[in-house]
Amino acid sequence: MNLFFDKEKNLLVKMETRGKNPMAGGEEFTATTLYEDYNKVDGIMVAHKVTVKRDDKMFVESTITGMLNGKVVEKVNVPGARTATGLPNGRYLVASQNNQRAYKIDRTGKIVWEVEASGPTVQASRR
C-alpha cells in the first residue's frame, strides 16, 4: 500500500493498493483511490469526493452532496450498478446487471464482499 499526502495540509490525497479479483480467477489489479474536496465536518477534515479506479479504469465515485436531517448525504457512482441499498453498517449492497454480480462496497468504494450471478442481476437484498 502506498499513501500520498498533501505536504502543506497533511491530508491524504491518494492511496494505491494491489488486490485480486475473485470474479476473474484471482487476476491481480491496482486500485487507486483519490481523495478530494476536503471540508470540515464536526471539526474534522473529511474528503467529500472519493474516486476509485482499477487499473486506471473508473470503478466507483462517491460524493458527499449535503446534509439531510443532520446526516451526511452521499452520491455514489458505481459503473454498471442497477440498484444500491445503504446498509446499517455504512456499506452499500449493489446489484450490477452488466457485471452479473452483487457486491458490498464500503464508503471508499472498496469491495468487501461479492458473489457472481448466473445472469443479469437487477436487485440484491440483505437476509
C-alpha atoms as a PDB file:
ATOM      1  CA  MET A   1       0.000   0.000   0.000  1.00  0.00           C
ATOM      2  CA  ASN A   2       1.255   3.455  -0.904  1.00  0.00           C
ATOM      3  CA  LEU A   3      -0.210   6.564   0.729  1.00  0.00           C
ATOM      4  CA  PHE A   4       0.237  10.076  -0.674  1.00  0.00           C
ATOM      5  CA  PHE A   5      -0.325  13.172   1.488  1.00  0.00           C
ATOM      6  CA  ASP A   6      -0.615  16.876   0.731  1.00  0.00           C
ATOM      7  CA  LYS A   7       2.585  18.262   2.335  1.00  0.00           C
ATOM      8  CA  GLU A   8       1.038  21.594   3.312  1.00  0.00           C
ATOM      9  CA  LYS A   9      -2.320  20.401   4.643  1.00  0.00           C
ATOM     10  CA  ASN A  10      -1.303  16.898   5.857  1.00  0.00           C
ATOM     11  CA  LEU A  11      -4.356  15.378   4.169  1.00  0.00           C
ATOM     12  CA  LEU A  12      -4.499  12.013   2.404  1.00  0.00           C
ATOM     13  CA  VAL A  13      -4.929  12.648  -1.342  1.00  0.00           C
ATOM     14  CA  LYS A  14      -4.170   9.246  -2.886  1.00  0.00           C
ATOM     15  CA  MET A  15      -3.888   5.577  -1.923  1.00  0.00           C
ATOM     16  CA  GLU A  16      -2.571   2.770  -4.122  1.00  0.00           C
ATOM     17  CA  THR A  17      -3.187  -0.884  -3.289  1.00  0.00           C
ATOM     18  CA  ARG A  18      -2.901  -4.243  -5.040  1.00  0.00           C
ATOM     19  CA  GLY A  19      -5.763  -6.716  -4.952  1.00  0.00           C
ATOM     20  CA  LYS A  20      -7.077  -9.884  -6.533  1.00  0.00           C
ATOM     21  CA  ASN A  21     -10.399 -10.106  -8.332  1.00  0.00           C
ATOM     22  CA  PRO A  22     -12.123 -13.368  -7.305  1.00  0.00           C
ATOM     23  CA  MET A  23     -14.577 -12.890 -10.179  1.00  0.00           C
ATOM     24  CA  ALA A  24     -11.686 -13.021 -12.685  1.00  0.00           C
ATOM     25  CA  GLY A  25      -9.875 -16.102 -11.425  1.00  0.00           C
ATOM     26  CA  GLY A  26      -7.808 -14.181  -8.897  1.00  0.00           C
ATOM     27  CA  GLU A  27      -6.408 -11.799 -11.500  1.00  0.00           C
ATOM     28  CA  GLU A  28      -4.395  -9.035  -9.807  1.00  0.00           C
ATOM     29  CA  PHE A  29      -5.237  -5.353 -10.193  1.00  0.00           C
ATOM     30  CA  THR A  30      -4.003  -1.998  -8.936  1.00  0.00           C
ATOM     31  CA  ALA A  31      -6.587   0.113  -7.120  1.00  0.00           C
ATOM     32  CA  THR A  32      -6.035   3.857  -6.953  1.00  0.00           C
ATOM     33  CA  THR A  33      -8.201   5.856  -4.560  1.00  0.00           C
ATOM     34  CA  LEU A  34      -8.254   9.659  -4.866  1.00  0.00           C
ATOM     35  CA  TYR A  35      -9.477  11.867  -2.002  1.00  0.00           C
ATOM     36  CA  GLU A  36     -10.619  15.385  -2.920  1.00  0.00           C
ATOM     37  CA  ASP A  37     -12.739  18.354  -1.870  1.00  0.00           C
ATOM     38  CA  TYR A  38     -11.929  18.299   1.853  1.00  0.00           C
ATOM     39  CA  ASN A  39     -14.293  20.197   4.186  1.00  0.00           C
ATOM     40  CA  LYS A  40     -14.715  20.289   7.941  1.00  0.00           C
ATOM     41  CA  VAL A  41     -17.395  18.053   9.450  1.00  0.00           C
ATOM     42  CA  ASP A  42     -17.705  18.365  13.226  1.00  0.00           C
ATOM     43  CA  GLY A  43     -14.195  19.847  13.324  1.00  0.00           C
ATOM     44  CA  ILE A  44     -12.561  17.053  11.282  1.00  0.00           C
ATOM     45  CA  MET A  45     -11.405  17.426   7.679  1.00  0.00           C
ATOM     46  CA  VAL A  46     -13.355  14.934   5.541  1.00  0.00           C
ATOM     47  CA  ALA A  47     -12.885  14.215   1.824  1.00  0.00           C
ATOM     48  CA  HIS A  48     -16.209  14.986   0.160  1.00  0.00           C
ATOM     49  CA  LYS A  49     -15.228  13.258  -3.086  1.00  0.00           C
ATOM     50  CA  VAL A  50     -13.632   9.803  -3.301  1.00  0.00           C
ATOM     51  CA  THR A  51     -12.809   8.189  -6.646  1.00  0.00           C
ATOM     52  CA  VAL A  52     -11.628   4.588  -7.044  1.00  0.00           C
ATOM     53  CA  LYS A  53     -10.027   3.288 -10.217  1.00  0.00           C
ATOM     54  CA  ARG A  54      -8.957  -0.276 -11.014  1.00  0.00           C
ATOM     55  CA  ASP A  55      -6.036  -0.431 -13.435  1.00  0.00           C
ATOM     56  CA  ASP A  56      -6.747   3.208 -14.367  1.00  0.00           C
ATOM     57  CA  LYS A  57     -10.416   2.483 -15.236  1.00  0.00           C
ATOM     58  CA  MET A  58     -13.208   4.213 -13.317  1.00  0.00           C
ATOM     59  CA  PHE A  59     -14.673   1.854 -10.714  1.00  0.00           C
ATOM     60  CA  VAL A  60     -16.546   3.902  -8.072  1.00  0.00           C
ATOM     61  CA  GLU A  61     -17.069   7.590  -7.381  1.00  0.00           C
ATOM     62  CA  SER A  62     -18.630   8.858  -4.147  1.00  0.00           C
ATOM     63  CA  THR A  63     -19.515  12.471  -3.395  1.00  0.00           C
ATOM     64  CA  ILE A  64     -20.966  13.945  -0.201  1.00  0.00           C
ATOM     65  CA  THR A  65     -23.555  16.298  -1.591  1.00  0.00           C
ATOM     66  CA  GLY A  66     -25.040  17.795   1.563  1.00  0.00           C
ATOM     67  CA  MET A  67     -26.836  17.185   4.823  1.00  0.00           C
ATOM     68  CA  LEU A  68     -30.346  15.807   5.333  1.00  0.00           C
ATOM     69  CA  ASN A  69     -31.847  15.767   8.825  1.00  0.00           C
ATOM     70  CA  GLY A  70     -28.368  16.298  10.279  1.00  0.00           C
ATOM     71  CA  LYS A  71     -26.848  13.368   8.370  1.00  0.00           C
ATOM     72  CA  VAL A  72     -24.345  13.406   5.521  1.00  0.00           C
ATOM     73  CA  VAL A  73     -25.887  12.684   2.116  1.00  0.00           C
ATOM     74  CA  GLU A  74     -23.634  10.852  -0.333  1.00  0.00           C
ATOM     75  CA  LYS A  75     -23.739  10.384  -4.061  1.00  0.00           C
ATOM     76  CA  VAL A  76     -22.139   7.073  -5.046  1.00  0.00           C
ATOM     77  CA  ASN A  77     -21.465   6.403  -8.726  1.00  0.00           C
ATOM     78  CA  VAL A  78     -20.887   2.691  -9.374  1.00  0.00           C
ATOM     79  CA  PRO A  79     -20.500   1.834 -13.077  1.00  0.00           C
ATOM     80  CA  GLY A  80     -22.837  -0.956 -14.138  1.00  0.00           C
ATOM     81  CA  ALA A  81     -24.943  -0.735 -10.974  1.00  0.00           C
ATOM     82  CA  ARG A  82     -28.642  -1.459 -11.352  1.00  0.00           C
ATOM     83  CA  THR A  83     -29.629  -0.843  -7.719  1.00  0.00           C
ATOM     84  CA  ALA A  84     -27.862   0.007  -4.469  1.00  0.00           C
ATOM     85  CA  THR A  85     -29.076  -0.145  -0.873  1.00  0.00           C
ATOM     86  CA  GLY A  86     -27.470   1.513   2.144  1.00  0.00           C
ATOM     87  CA  LEU A  87     -26.754  -0.939   4.966  1.00  0.00           C
ATOM     88  CA  PRO A  88     -26.811  -0.221   8.720  1.00  0.00           C
ATOM     89  CA  ASN A  89     -23.012  -0.587   8.939  1.00  0.00           C
ATOM     90  CA  GLY A  90     -22.461   2.244   6.410  1.00  0.00           C
ATOM     91  CA  ARG A  91     -21.716  -0.039   3.479  1.00  0.00           C
ATOM     92  CA  TYR A  92     -23.755  -0.401   0.296  1.00  0.00           C
ATOM     93  CA  LEU A  93     -25.248  -3.530  -1.263  1.00  0.00           C
ATOM     94  CA  VAL A  94     -25.043  -3.195  -5.048  1.00  0.00           C
ATOM     95  CA  ALA A  95     -26.615  -5.247  -7.846  1.00  0.00           C
ATOM     96  CA  SER A  96     -24.686  -4.965 -11.108  1.00  0.00           C
ATOM     97  CA  GLN A  97     -26.690  -6.001 -14.150  1.00  0.00           C
ATOM     98  CA  ASN A  98     -23.788  -5.521 -16.576  1.00  0.00           C
ATOM     99  CA  ASN A  99     -21.211  -7.355 -14.445  1.00  0.00           C
ATOM    100  CA  GLN A 100     -23.687 -10.091 -13.390  1.00  0.00           C
ATOM    101  CA  ARG A 101     -22.853  -9.905  -9.706  1.00  0.00           C
ATOM    102  CA  ALA A 102     -23.884  -8.490  -6.367  1.00  0.00           C
ATOM    103  CA  TYR A 103     -21.366  -6.930  -4.038  1.00  0.00           C
ATOM    104  CA  LYS A 104     -20.926  -4.799  -0.933  1.00  0.00           C
ATOM    105  CA  ILE A 105     -18.739  -1.714  -1.016  1.00  0.00           C
ATOM    106  CA  ASP A 106     -17.506   0.406   1.856  1.00  0.00           C
ATOM    107  CA  ARG A 107     -17.580   4.200   1.803  1.00  0.00           C
ATOM    108  CA  THR A 108     -14.254   4.351  -0.014  1.00  0.00           C
ATOM    109  CA  GLY A 109     -15.604   2.180  -2.842  1.00  0.00           C
ATOM    110  CA  LYS A 110     -13.619  -0.895  -1.852  1.00  0.00           C
ATOM    111  CA  ILE A 111     -15.432  -4.164  -2.500  1.00  0.00           C
ATOM    112  CA  VAL A 112     -15.665  -6.066   0.787  1.00  0.00           C
ATOM    113  CA  TRP A 113     -17.851  -8.938  -0.453  1.00  0.00           C
ATOM    114  CA  GLU A 114     -19.137 -10.139  -3.818  1.00  0.00           C
ATOM    115  CA  VAL A 115     -20.904 -13.033  -5.462  1.00  0.00           C
ATOM    116  CA  GLU A 116     -21.225 -13.892  -9.149  1.00  0.00           C
ATOM    117  CA  ALA A 117     -24.693 -14.484 -10.592  1.00  0.00           C
ATOM    118  CA  SER A 118     -25.656 -16.811 -13.405  1.00  0.00           C
ATOM    119  CA  GLY A 119     -27.294 -13.966 -15.325  1.00  0.00           C
ATOM    120  CA  PRO A 120     -28.040 -10.235 -15.162  1.00  0.00           C
ATOM    121  CA  THR A 121     -28.508  -9.086 -11.551  1.00  0.00           C
ATOM    122  CA  VAL A 122     -31.189  -6.422 -11.208  1.00  0.00           C
ATOM    123  CA  GLN A 123     -31.731  -6.439  -7.445  1.00  0.00           C
ATOM    124  CA  ALA A 124     -29.955  -7.697  -4.352  1.00  0.00           C
ATOM    125  CA  SER A 125     -31.400  -7.856  -0.856  1.00  0.00           C
ATOM    126  CA  ARG A 126     -29.986  -8.497   2.577  1.00  0.00           C
ATOM    127  CA  ARG A 127     -31.268 -11.510   4.502  1.00  0.00           C
END
